[in-house]
């Protein structure tokens, strides 16, 4: 699966894998579990606290700080149907870049027009619908590559 398409639990699992998590398993009473930094943690909702860096700043924040991930908000994108027709709405988008100090980043679309005012994107920038989704996708792409194998339970 492309890291730029990861969302939800699949993205949370990928972040955990990038952090070194092992021993993914399922407890039929509660949820999926894994081992990270010597501790058993829950990956999906059940009766336990979950590991969710794609939605929890308390989990993603230390990763963002440690890895030097830069996040910027872009102009909202038009919502299009499968044929490319505008559906009358807009969706937020965010871009993230891992590491290195970035003075000015330019965010451009595949058509070449500038999306983020006064910004240009380098080829390492990753887009997401929330700041954490963009940041965690960028982190996974940097650590594990642009495509990864995701367990079937999370696809």
Protein backbone atom coordinates (compact mmCIF):
# COMPACT_ATOMS: atom_id res chain seq x y z
CA UNK A 1 0.00 0.00 0.00
CA UNK A 2 1.27 3.52 -0.77
CA UNK A 3 2.19 5.40 2.38
CA UNK A 4 0.48 8.48 0.94
CA UNK A 5 -2.84 6.59 1.06
CA UNK A 6 -2.61 5.26 4.63
CA UNK A 7 -5.39 6.34 7.00
CA UNK A 8 -6.82 5.34 10.38
CA UNK A 9 -5.65 2.10 11.96
CA UNK A 10 -3.50 1.19 8.94
CA UNK A 11 -1.56 4.44 9.42
CA UNK A 12 -1.33 3.88 13.18
CA UNK A 13 0.04 0.37 12.57
CA UNK A 14 2.58 1.72 10.06
CA UNK A 15 3.79 4.38 12.53
CA UNK A 16 4.16 1.69 15.19
CA UNK A 17 6.13 -0.46 12.72
CA UNK A 18 8.37 2.53 11.91
CA UNK A 19 8.90 2.98 15.66
CA UNK A 20 9.97 -0.68 15.96
CA UNK A 21 6.76 -2.38 17.16
CA UNK A 22 6.67 -6.17 16.95
CA UNK A 23 4.47 -9.08 17.87
CA UNK A 24 1.18 -7.96 16.31
CA UNK A 25 -1.58 -10.21 17.62
CA UNK A 26 -5.33 -10.29 18.19
CA UNK A 27 -7.08 -10.82 21.49
CA UNK A 28 -10.59 -11.97 20.61
CA UNK A 29 -11.97 -10.36 23.76
CA UNK A 30 -10.73 -6.86 23.07
CA UNK A 31 -8.58 -5.80 20.16
CA UNK A 32 -5.33 -5.98 18.19
CA UNK A 33 -2.16 -5.74 20.28
CA UNK A 34 1.54 -5.23 19.61
CA UNK A 35 4.74 -4.72 21.54
CA UNK A 36 6.41 -1.30 21.38
CA UNK A 37 9.39 -0.28 23.52
CA UNK A 38 8.90 -3.38 25.66
CA UNK A 39 5.25 -2.61 26.46
CA UNK A 40 2.11 -4.27 25.15
CA UNK A 41 -0.20 -1.66 23.63
CA UNK A 42 -3.60 -1.84 21.96
CA UNK A 43 -3.83 -0.76 18.33
CA UNK A 44 -7.58 -0.80 17.78
CA UNK A 45 -10.39 0.30 20.04
CA UNK A 46 -11.57 -2.08 22.69
CA UNK A 47 -11.56 -1.72 26.44
CA UNK A 48 -7.89 -0.67 26.40
CA UNK A 49 -6.20 2.64 25.69
CA UNK A 50 -5.21 2.73 22.03
CA UNK A 51 -2.07 3.78 20.16
CA UNK A 52 -3.32 6.33 17.64
CA UNK A 53 -0.69 8.77 16.39
CA UNK A 54 -2.90 9.62 13.40
CA UNK A 55 -5.42 11.30 15.73
CA UNK A 56 -3.69 11.87 19.10
CA UNK A 57 -1.29 14.77 19.46
CA UNK A 58 -0.04 13.25 22.71
CA UNK A 59 1.29 10.27 20.75
CA UNK A 60 2.32 12.01 17.52
CA UNK A 61 3.78 15.15 19.12
CA UNK A 62 6.95 13.52 20.45
CA UNK A 63 7.54 11.88 17.03
CA UNK A 64 7.00 15.20 15.22
CA UNK A 65 9.42 16.98 17.57
CA UNK A 66 12.07 14.23 17.54
CA UNK A 67 12.02 13.84 13.74
CA UNK A 68 11.82 17.58 13.00
CA UNK A 69 8.62 17.24 10.98
CA UNK A 70 7.40 20.52 9.46
CA UNK A 71 3.65 20.85 8.86
CA UNK A 72 1.84 23.59 6.94
CA UNK A 73 -1.81 24.12 6.05
CA UNK A 74 -2.57 24.40 2.34
CA UNK A 75 -5.53 25.88 0.55
CA UNK A 76 -8.54 23.58 0.73
CA UNK A 77 -8.90 21.31 -2.28
CA UNK A 78 -12.08 20.92 -4.30
CA UNK A 79 -13.98 17.69 -3.70
CA UNK A 80 -14.26 15.87 -7.04
CA UNK A 81 -16.13 12.73 -8.07
CA UNK A 82 -14.43 9.79 -9.82
CA UNK A 83 -14.81 11.60 -13.18
CA UNK A 84 -13.15 14.75 -11.88
CA UNK A 85 -16.34 16.80 -11.55
CA UNK A 86 -16.59 19.25 -8.67
CA UNK A 87 -19.08 18.14 -6.01
CA UNK A 88 -19.63 21.60 -4.54
CA UNK A 89 -17.42 21.28 -1.48
CA UNK A 90 -13.88 21.70 -0.27
CA UNK A 91 -11.67 19.51 1.92
CA UNK A 92 -8.77 20.67 4.10
CA UNK A 93 -5.26 19.62 3.20
CA UNK A 94 -1.97 19.72 5.03
CA UNK A 95 1.61 19.06 3.92
CA UNK A 96 4.44 17.62 6.00
CA UNK A 97 8.16 17.22 5.45
CA UNK A 98 10.48 15.18 7.69
CA UNK A 99 13.86 16.35 8.92
CA UNK A 100 16.24 18.99 7.64
CA UNK A 101 15.62 22.61 8.38
CA UNK A 102 13.20 24.10 5.86
CA UNK A 103 13.29 27.83 5.34
CA UNK A 104 10.63 28.09 2.69
CA UNK A 105 8.68 25.18 1.33
CA UNK A 106 6.71 25.45 -1.91
CA UNK A 107 3.63 23.28 -2.28
CA UNK A 108 2.70 22.68 -5.92
CA UNK A 109 0.07 20.40 -7.41
CA UNK A 110 0.80 17.81 -10.07
CA UNK A 111 -0.33 20.44 -12.61
CA UNK A 112 2.38 22.84 -11.46
CA UNK A 113 0.25 25.58 -9.94
CA UNK A 114 1.12 26.75 -6.46
CA UNK A 115 -1.34 25.39 -3.88
CA UNK A 116 0.00 26.92 -0.68
CA UNK A 117 0.37 30.68 -0.92
CA UNK A 118 4.02 31.60 -0.93
CA UNK A 119 5.16 28.01 -0.54
CA UNK A 120 6.78 25.47 -2.82
CA UNK A 121 6.88 21.78 -2.07
CA UNK A 122 9.96 19.68 -2.34
CA UNK A 123 9.56 16.12 -3.54
CA UNK A 124 9.57 14.76 0.03
CA UNK A 125 6.41 16.58 1.14
CA UNK A 126 3.42 14.38 1.94
CA UNK A 127 -0.21 15.55 1.90
CA UNK A 128 -2.96 14.60 4.36
CA UNK A 129 -6.45 15.74 5.33
CA UNK A 130 -5.28 16.59 8.88
CA UNK A 131 -1.94 17.79 10.25
CA UNK A 132 -1.34 14.47 12.01
CA UNK A 133 -2.26 12.38 8.97
CA UNK A 134 0.22 14.35 6.83
CA UNK A 135 2.95 14.21 9.49
CA UNK A 136 2.59 10.50 10.21
CA UNK A 137 2.43 9.60 6.49
CA UNK A 138 5.64 11.60 5.97
CA UNK A 139 7.29 9.84 8.90
CA UNK A 140 6.31 6.36 7.66
CA UNK A 141 7.47 7.19 4.12
CA UNK A 142 10.85 8.36 5.43
CA UNK A 143 11.34 5.32 7.68
CA UNK A 144 9.71 2.49 5.70
CA UNK A 145 9.53 3.75 2.11
CA UNK A 146 6.80 4.89 -0.26
CA UNK A 147 5.04 1.51 -0.30
CA UNK A 148 4.63 -0.94 2.57
CA UNK A 149 2.87 -4.22 3.23
CA UNK A 150 -0.02 -3.65 5.65
CA UNK A 151 -1.60 -6.61 7.52
CA UNK A 152 -4.92 -7.60 5.97
CA UNK A 153 -6.86 -6.70 9.11
CA UNK A 154 -5.96 -3.02 8.61
CA UNK A 155 -6.58 -2.63 4.87
